[in-house]
C-alpha atoms as a PDB file:
ATOM      1  CA  MET A   1     132.233  98.596 137.551  1.00  0.00           C
ATOM      2  CA  GLU A   2     130.622 101.831 136.381  1.00  0.00           C
ATOM      3  CA  PRO A   3     131.342 105.032 138.321  1.00  0.00           C
ATOM      4  CA  THR A   4     128.570 106.365 140.527  1.00  0.00           C
ATOM      5  CA  ASN A   5     126.839 109.475 139.297  1.00  0.00           C
ATOM      6  CA  ASN A   6     126.139 111.801 142.267  1.00  0.00           C
ATOM      7  CA  SER A   7     123.457 113.721 140.383  1.00  0.00           C
ATOM      8  CA  GLU A   8     121.583 110.511 139.688  1.00  0.00           C
ATOM      9  CA  GLN A   9     121.729 109.585 143.374  1.00  0.00           C
ATOM     10  CA  LYS A  10     120.290 112.956 144.375  1.00  0.00           C
ATOM     11  CA  ASP A  11     117.464 112.585 141.894  1.00  0.00           C
ATOM     12  CA  LYS A  12     116.476 109.186 143.200  1.00  0.00           C
ATOM     13  CA  PRO A  13     114.401 109.162 146.407  1.00  0.00           C
ATOM     14  CA  PHE A  14     115.493 106.653 149.002  1.00  0.00           C
ATOM     15  CA  LEU A  15     112.075 106.738 150.641  1.00  0.00           C
ATOM     16  CA  VAL A  16     108.590 107.439 149.297  1.00  0.00           C
ATOM     17  CA  VAL A  17     105.831 107.787 151.882  1.00  0.00           C
ATOM     18  CA  LYS A  18     102.099 108.153 151.414  1.00  0.00           C
ATOM     19  CA  PRO A  19      99.648 108.774 154.253  1.00  0.00           C
ATOM     20  CA  ALA A  20      97.900 105.638 155.382  1.00  0.00           C
ATOM     21  CA  ILE A  21      94.172 105.538 154.691  1.00  0.00           C
ATOM     22  CA  LYS A  22      92.523 103.975 157.726  1.00  0.00           C
ATOM     23  CA  THR A  23      88.781 103.907 157.158  1.00  0.00           C
ATOM     24  CA  PRO A  24      87.777 103.724 160.864  1.00  0.00           C
ATOM     25  CA  LEU A  25      90.041 106.684 161.697  1.00  0.00           C
ATOM     26  CA  LEU A  26      88.689 108.716 158.794  1.00  0.00           C
ATOM     27  CA  MET A  27      85.138 107.905 159.856  1.00  0.00           C
ATOM     28  CA  ILE A  28      85.816 109.167 163.383  1.00  0.00           C
ATOM     29  CA  GLU A  29      87.370 112.402 162.128  1.00  0.00           C
ATOM     30  CA  SER A  30      84.607 112.889 159.550  1.00  0.00           C
ATOM     31  CA  PHE A  31      81.919 112.294 162.160  1.00  0.00           C
ATOM     32  CA  PHE A  32      83.206 114.988 164.521  1.00  0.00           C
ATOM     33  CA  ILE A  33      83.603 117.510 161.696  1.00  0.00           C
ATOM     34  CA  ALA A  34      80.094 116.707 160.453  1.00  0.00           C
ATOM     35  CA  LEU A  35      78.816 117.011 164.029  1.00  0.00           C
ATOM     36  CA  ILE A  36      79.938 120.638 164.200  1.00  0.00           C
ATOM     37  CA  ILE A  37      78.468 121.458 160.789  1.00  0.00           C
ATOM     38  CA  SER A  38      75.186 119.716 161.625  1.00  0.00           C
ATOM     39  CA  PHE A  39      74.875 121.599 164.895  1.00  0.00           C
ATOM     40  CA  PHE A  40      75.220 124.878 163.008  1.00  0.00           C
ATOM     41  CA  PHE A  41      72.493 123.913 160.520  1.00  0.00           C
ATOM     42  CA  SER A  42      70.261 122.718 163.362  1.00  0.00           C
ATOM     43  CA  VAL A  43      70.562 126.061 165.166  1.00  0.00           C
ATOM     44  CA  LEU A  44      69.931 127.886 161.909  1.00  0.00           C
ATOM     45  CA  SER A  45      66.780 125.862 161.240  1.00  0.00           C
ATOM     46  CA  SER A  46      65.590 126.564 164.800  1.00  0.00           C
ATOM     47  CA  VAL A  47      65.988 130.303 164.293  1.00  0.00           C
ATOM     48  CA  ILE A  48      64.140 130.141 160.971  1.00  0.00           C
ATOM     49  CA  SER A  49      61.347 128.049 162.497  1.00  0.00           C
ATOM     50  CA  VAL A  50      60.865 130.493 165.391  1.00  0.00           C
ATOM     51  CA  PHE A  51      60.921 133.454 163.018  1.00  0.00           C
ATOM     52  CA  PHE A  52      58.206 131.998 160.781  1.00  0.00           C
ATOM     53  CA  SER A  53      56.032 131.025 163.740  1.00  0.00           C
ATOM     54  CA  PHE A  54      56.122 134.574 165.130  1.00  0.00           C
ATOM     55  CA  SER A  55      55.621 136.004 161.651  1.00  0.00           C
ATOM     56  CA  THR A  56      52.580 133.800 161.011  1.00  0.00           C
ATOM     57  CA  THR A  57      51.051 134.699 164.367  1.00  0.00           C
ATOM     58  CA  PHE A  58      51.603 138.398 163.778  1.00  0.00           C
ATOM     59  CA  ASN A  59      50.041 138.245 160.316  1.00  0.00           C
ATOM     60  CA  LYS A  60      47.025 136.414 161.685  1.00  0.00           C
ATOM     61  CA  LEU A  61      46.623 139.005 164.421  1.00  0.00           C
ATOM     62  CA  ASN A  62      46.980 141.835 161.937  1.00  0.00           C
ATOM     63  CA  ASN A  63      44.393 140.332 159.565  1.00  0.00           C
ATOM     64  CA  GLU A  64      41.827 139.898 162.308  1.00  0.00           C
ATOM     65  CA  PHE A  65      42.402 143.465 163.422  1.00  0.00           C
ATOM     66  CA  MET A  66      42.060 144.864 159.902  1.00  0.00           C
ATOM     67  CA  ASN A  67      38.920 142.847 159.168  1.00  0.00           C
ATOM     68  CA  SER A  68      37.099 143.949 162.314  1.00  0.00           C
ATOM     69  CA  ASN A  69      34.876 146.981 161.622  1.00  0.00           C
ATOM     70  CA  ASN A  70      34.350 148.013 165.189  1.00  0.00           C
ATOM     71  CA  PHE A  71      37.430 147.163 167.154  1.00  0.00           C
ATOM     72  CA  ASN A  72      36.666 146.541 170.840  1.00  0.00           C
ATOM     73  CA  PRO A  73      39.667 145.616 173.015  1.00  0.00           C
ATOM     74  CA  GLU A  74      37.365 143.959 175.568  1.00  0.00           C
ATOM     75  CA  THR A  75      35.822 141.566 173.099  1.00  0.00           C
ATOM     76  CA  PHE A  76      38.859 141.124 170.859  1.00  0.00           C
ATOM     77  CA  THR A  77      40.171 137.567 170.980  1.00  0.00           C
ATOM     78  CA  ARG A  78      43.895 137.161 170.665  1.00  0.00           C
ATOM     79  CA  PRO A  79      44.782 134.354 168.258  1.00  0.00           C
ATOM     80  CA  GLU A  80      46.650 131.403 169.638  1.00  0.00           C
ATOM     81  CA  MET A  81      50.409 131.517 169.302  1.00  0.00           C
ATOM     82  CA  ILE A  82      51.615 129.196 166.583  1.00  0.00           C
ATOM     83  CA  MET A  83      54.441 127.276 168.183  1.00  0.00           C
ATOM     84  CA  PRO A  84      57.597 126.583 166.163  1.00  0.00           C
ATOM     85  CA  ASN A  85      58.091 123.095 164.839  1.00  0.00           C
ATOM     86  CA  LEU A  86      60.735 121.694 167.176  1.00  0.00           C
ATOM     87  CA  GLY A  87      60.935 118.498 165.169  1.00  0.00           C
ATOM     88  CA  LEU A  88      62.431 120.345 162.216  1.00  0.00           C
ATOM     89  CA  PRO A  89      65.807 121.151 163.878  1.00  0.00           C
ATOM     90  CA  ALA A  90      66.148 117.536 165.021  1.00  0.00           C
ATOM     91  CA  PHE A  91      65.384 116.277 161.527  1.00  0.00           C
ATOM     92  CA  VAL A  92      67.825 118.731 159.963  1.00  0.00           C
ATOM     93  CA  PHE A  93      70.508 117.714 162.463  1.00  0.00           C
ATOM     94  CA  LEU A  94      70.190 113.995 161.769  1.00  0.00           C
ATOM     95  CA  VAL A  95      70.016 114.327 157.991  1.00  0.00           C
ATOM     96  CA  SER A  96      72.906 116.803 157.798  1.00  0.00           C
ATOM     97  CA  LEU A  97      74.986 114.630 160.136  1.00  0.00           C
ATOM     98  CA  ILE A  98      74.637 111.633 157.829  1.00  0.00           C
ATOM     99  CA  VAL A  99      75.135 113.626 154.633  1.00  0.00           C
ATOM    100  CA  PHE A 100      78.121 115.673 155.811  1.00  0.00           C
ATOM    101  CA  THR A 101      79.818 112.643 157.379  1.00  0.00           C
ATOM    102  CA  PHE A 102      79.776 110.969 153.976  1.00  0.00           C
ATOM    103  CA  ILE A 103      80.898 114.143 152.169  1.00  0.00           C
ATOM    104  CA  VAL A 104      83.745 114.918 154.581  1.00  0.00           C
ATOM    105  CA  PHE A 105      84.869 111.278 154.560  1.00  0.00           C
ATOM    106  CA  SER A 106      85.004 111.229 150.749  1.00  0.00           C
ATOM    107  CA  LEU A 107      86.923 114.514 150.561  1.00  0.00           C
ATOM    108  CA  MET A 108      89.441 113.504 153.228  1.00  0.00           C
ATOM    109  CA  LYS A 109      90.026 110.136 151.574  1.00  0.00           C
ATOM    110  CA  ALA A 110      90.558 111.753 148.161  1.00  0.00           C
ATOM    111  CA  ARG A 111      92.918 114.318 149.677  1.00  0.00           C
ATOM    112  CA  LEU A 112      95.034 111.663 151.401  1.00  0.00           C
ATOM    113  CA  ARG A 113      95.338 109.731 148.148  1.00  0.00           C
ATOM    114  CA  MET A 114      96.816 112.808 146.487  1.00  0.00           C
ATOM    115  CA  MET A 115      99.474 113.290 149.170  1.00  0.00           C
ATOM    116  CA  GLU A 116     102.981 111.941 148.708  1.00  0.00           C
ATOM    117  CA  TYR A 117     106.320 112.618 150.388  1.00  0.00           C
ATOM    118  CA  ARG A 118     109.577 111.805 148.616  1.00  0.00           C
ATOM    119  CA  PHE A 119     112.774 111.855 150.645  1.00  0.00           C
ATOM    120  CA  TYR A 120     116.004 112.507 148.771  1.00  0.00           C
ATOM    121  CA  PRO A 121     119.528 112.677 150.210  1.00  0.00           C
ATOM    122  CA  ASP A 122     119.391 116.488 150.250  1.00  0.00           C
ATOM    123  CA  ARG A 123     115.696 117.420 150.292  1.00  0.00           C
ATOM    124  CA  VAL A 124     112.103 116.350 150.746  1.00  0.00           C
ATOM    125  CA  GLU A 125     109.510 116.861 148.045  1.00  0.00           C
ATOM    126  CA  TYR A 126     105.857 116.697 148.929  1.00  0.00           C
ATOM    127  CA  PHE A 127     102.704 116.748 146.870  1.00  0.00           C
ATOM    128  CA  GLU A 128      99.491 118.033 148.394  1.00  0.00           C
ATOM    129  CA  GLY A 129      96.130 119.255 147.224  1.00  0.00           C
ATOM    130  CA  PHE A 130      92.798 117.898 146.101  1.00  0.00           C
ATOM    131  CA  LEU A 131      91.444 119.768 143.100  1.00  0.00           C
ATOM    132  CA  VAL A 132      94.891 121.213 142.364  1.00  0.00           C
ATOM    133  CA  ARG A 133      97.972 119.185 143.226  1.00  0.00           C
ATOM    134  CA  ASN A 134     100.839 121.315 144.510  1.00  0.00           C
ATOM    135  CA  ARG A 135     104.487 120.256 144.525  1.00  0.00           C
ATOM    136  CA  LYS A 136     106.796 121.787 147.105  1.00  0.00           C
ATOM    137  CA  VAL A 137     110.470 121.245 147.871  1.00  0.00           C
ATOM    138  CA  LEU A 138     112.137 121.645 151.247  1.00  0.00           C
ATOM    139  CA  SER A 139     115.899 121.430 151.583  1.00  0.00           C
ATOM    140  CA  TYR A 140     117.285 119.705 154.682  1.00  0.00           C
ATOM    141  CA  ASP A 141     119.669 122.569 155.420  1.00  0.00           C
ATOM    142  CA  LYS A 142     116.678 124.868 155.987  1.00  0.00           C
ATOM    143  CA  ILE A 143     115.142 122.643 158.633  1.00  0.00           C
ATOM    144  CA  SER A 144     115.562 124.023 162.150  1.00  0.00           C
ATOM    145  CA  ASN A 145     113.518 121.523 164.117  1.00  0.00           C
ATOM    146  CA  LEU A 146     111.965 118.122 163.678  1.00  0.00           C
ATOM    147  CA  GLY A 147     109.272 116.531 165.806  1.00  0.00           C
ATOM    148  CA  VAL A 148     106.967 113.540 165.928  1.00  0.00           C
ATOM    149  CA  ARG A 149     103.569 113.231 167.573  1.00  0.00           C
ATOM    150  CA  GLU A 150     101.458 110.166 168.200  1.00  0.00           C
ATOM    151  CA  GLY A 151      98.023 110.966 169.568  1.00  0.00           C
ATOM    152  CA  ILE A 152      95.840 108.522 171.447  1.00  0.00           C
ATOM    153  CA  ILE A 153      93.686 107.718 168.431  1.00  0.00           C
ATOM    154  CA  GLU A 154      96.702 107.673 166.098  1.00  0.00           C
ATOM    155  CA  ARG A 155      98.491 105.123 168.298  1.00  0.00           C
ATOM    156  CA  MET A 156      95.452 102.850 168.088  1.00  0.00           C
ATOM    157  CA  PHE A 157      96.042 102.628 164.344  1.00  0.00           C
ATOM    158  CA  GLY A 158      99.855 102.651 164.445  1.00  0.00           C
ATOM    159  CA  LEU A 159     100.070 106.120 162.900  1.00  0.00           C
ATOM    160  CA  GLY A 160     101.763 109.391 163.727  1.00  0.00           C
ATOM    161  CA  THR A 161     102.514 112.895 162.529  1.00  0.00           C
ATOM    162  CA  ILE A 162     105.934 114.362 161.763  1.00  0.00           C
ATOM    163  CA  PHE A 163     106.391 118.125 162.031  1.00  0.00           C
ATOM    164  CA  ILE A 164     109.158 120.000 160.230  1.00  0.00           C
ATOM    165  CA  ASP A 165     110.050 123.546 161.286  1.00  0.00           C
ATOM    166  CA  THR A 166     112.103 126.024 159.316  1.00  0.00           C
ATOM    167  CA  ALA A 167     113.663 129.269 160.478  1.00  0.00           C
ATOM    168  CA  GLY A 168     111.368 132.260 160.164  1.00  0.00           C
ATOM    169  CA  TYR A 169     108.219 130.262 159.458  1.00  0.00           C
ATOM    170  CA  SER A 170     105.573 131.276 161.975  1.00  0.00           C
ATOM    171  CA  ARG A 171     102.231 131.206 160.115  1.00  0.00           C
ATOM    172  CA  THR A 172     101.219 127.843 161.577  1.00  0.00           C
ATOM    173  CA  GLY A 173     104.270 127.160 163.716  1.00  0.00           C
ATOM    174  CA  TYR A 174     105.688 124.594 161.276  1.00  0.00           C
ATOM    175  CA  GLU A 175     106.543 124.385 157.608  1.00  0.00           C
ATOM    176  CA  LEU A 176     105.305 120.870 156.986  1.00  0.00           C
ATOM    177  CA  ALA A 177     103.092 118.430 158.873  1.00  0.00           C
ATOM    178  CA  MET A 178     103.004 114.881 157.551  1.00  0.00           C
ATOM    179  CA  HIS A 179      99.859 113.261 158.929  1.00  0.00           C
ATOM    180  CA  ASN A 180      98.749 109.636 159.073  1.00  0.00           C
ATOM    181  CA  LEU A 181     102.207 108.148 158.584  1.00  0.00           C
ATOM    182  CA  GLU A 182     102.895 104.524 159.352  1.00  0.00           C
ATOM    183  CA  ASN A 183     106.090 103.842 161.338  1.00  0.00           C
ATOM    184  CA  PRO A 184     106.532 107.545 162.169  1.00  0.00           C
ATOM    185  CA  ASN A 185     109.402 106.941 164.590  1.00  0.00           C
ATOM    186  CA  GLN A 186     111.398 105.070 161.968  1.00  0.00           C
ATOM    187  CA  ILE A 187     110.942 107.916 159.473  1.00  0.00           C
ATOM    188  CA  TYR A 188     111.800 110.409 162.197  1.00  0.00           C
ATOM    189  CA  GLU A 189     115.087 108.660 162.942  1.00  0.00           C
ATOM    190  CA  GLN A 190     116.055 108.571 159.266  1.00  0.00           C
ATOM    191  CA  LEU A 191     115.298 112.266 158.826  1.00  0.00           C
ATOM    192  CA  SER A 192     117.155 113.165 162.012  1.00  0.00           C
ATOM    193  CA  LYS A 193     120.317 111.511 160.689  1.00  0.00           C
ATOM    194  CA  LEU A 194     120.046 113.329 157.369  1.00  0.00           C
ATOM    195  CA  ILE A 195     119.454 116.707 159.016  1.00  0.00           C
ATOM    196  CA  THR A 196     122.312 116.171 161.464  1.00  0.00           C
ATOM    197  CA  LYS A 197     124.679 115.536 158.559  1.00  0.00           C
ATOM    198  CA  LYS A 198     123.665 118.831 156.975  1.00  0.00           C
END
C-alpha cells in the first residue's frame, strides 16, 4: 500500500460546483432587467419626440413671421401645434424589451457557463468573468461567516445562494456569493464542517 501524499490531497478538489443554468429562471431575470432598460429608452424617445414637435412648430411659426411683409397681430394666424408621436415611445419600448431580453439572457448564460467553484480541503478556488476569466483563492481560515439563501423563485427551481464573509471585507458585505447552486444546503453543511475544523 503506497503512502498517502498530503500535498496531492490538498491539490485535488473534493467537490467541483458549477452554477445551474435554468432557462426559465434566466428568462425571468433577463425580462425584468430588460424591462428597466426598455423603460429608460421609452422615456428618452418620448423626450426626443416632444422636443422635435415643439422645435418644428416653432420653426414653422418663425418662417411665417419672417415671410410676412406687413405683420398684423390681429390677422396673424398661429400655426397648429404639431403633436408628438406618442406611438414612437410604445414602439421603442416593445422593440427594446424584446432585443434586450435576448441580449441579457445570452450574456447571463455565457457568464454562468464560465463560473466554477472548486472546494479543496483547505481552500475554495473560484473562476468568474465573461470576457476575462478571473481565478481567485479563498482560504477557509479567513472565512468569518457562512450563509445560505433560498429565495421564492430560487426554491421553485431547487436552487440557492451561498454567501461567504471574511473579516474586514465590507465593499459588498460578503467576499463571495455563489449563485444558482443546486443542493445549496448540502454544500453549506460540507463547508460548515470544513470551516469549523479550521
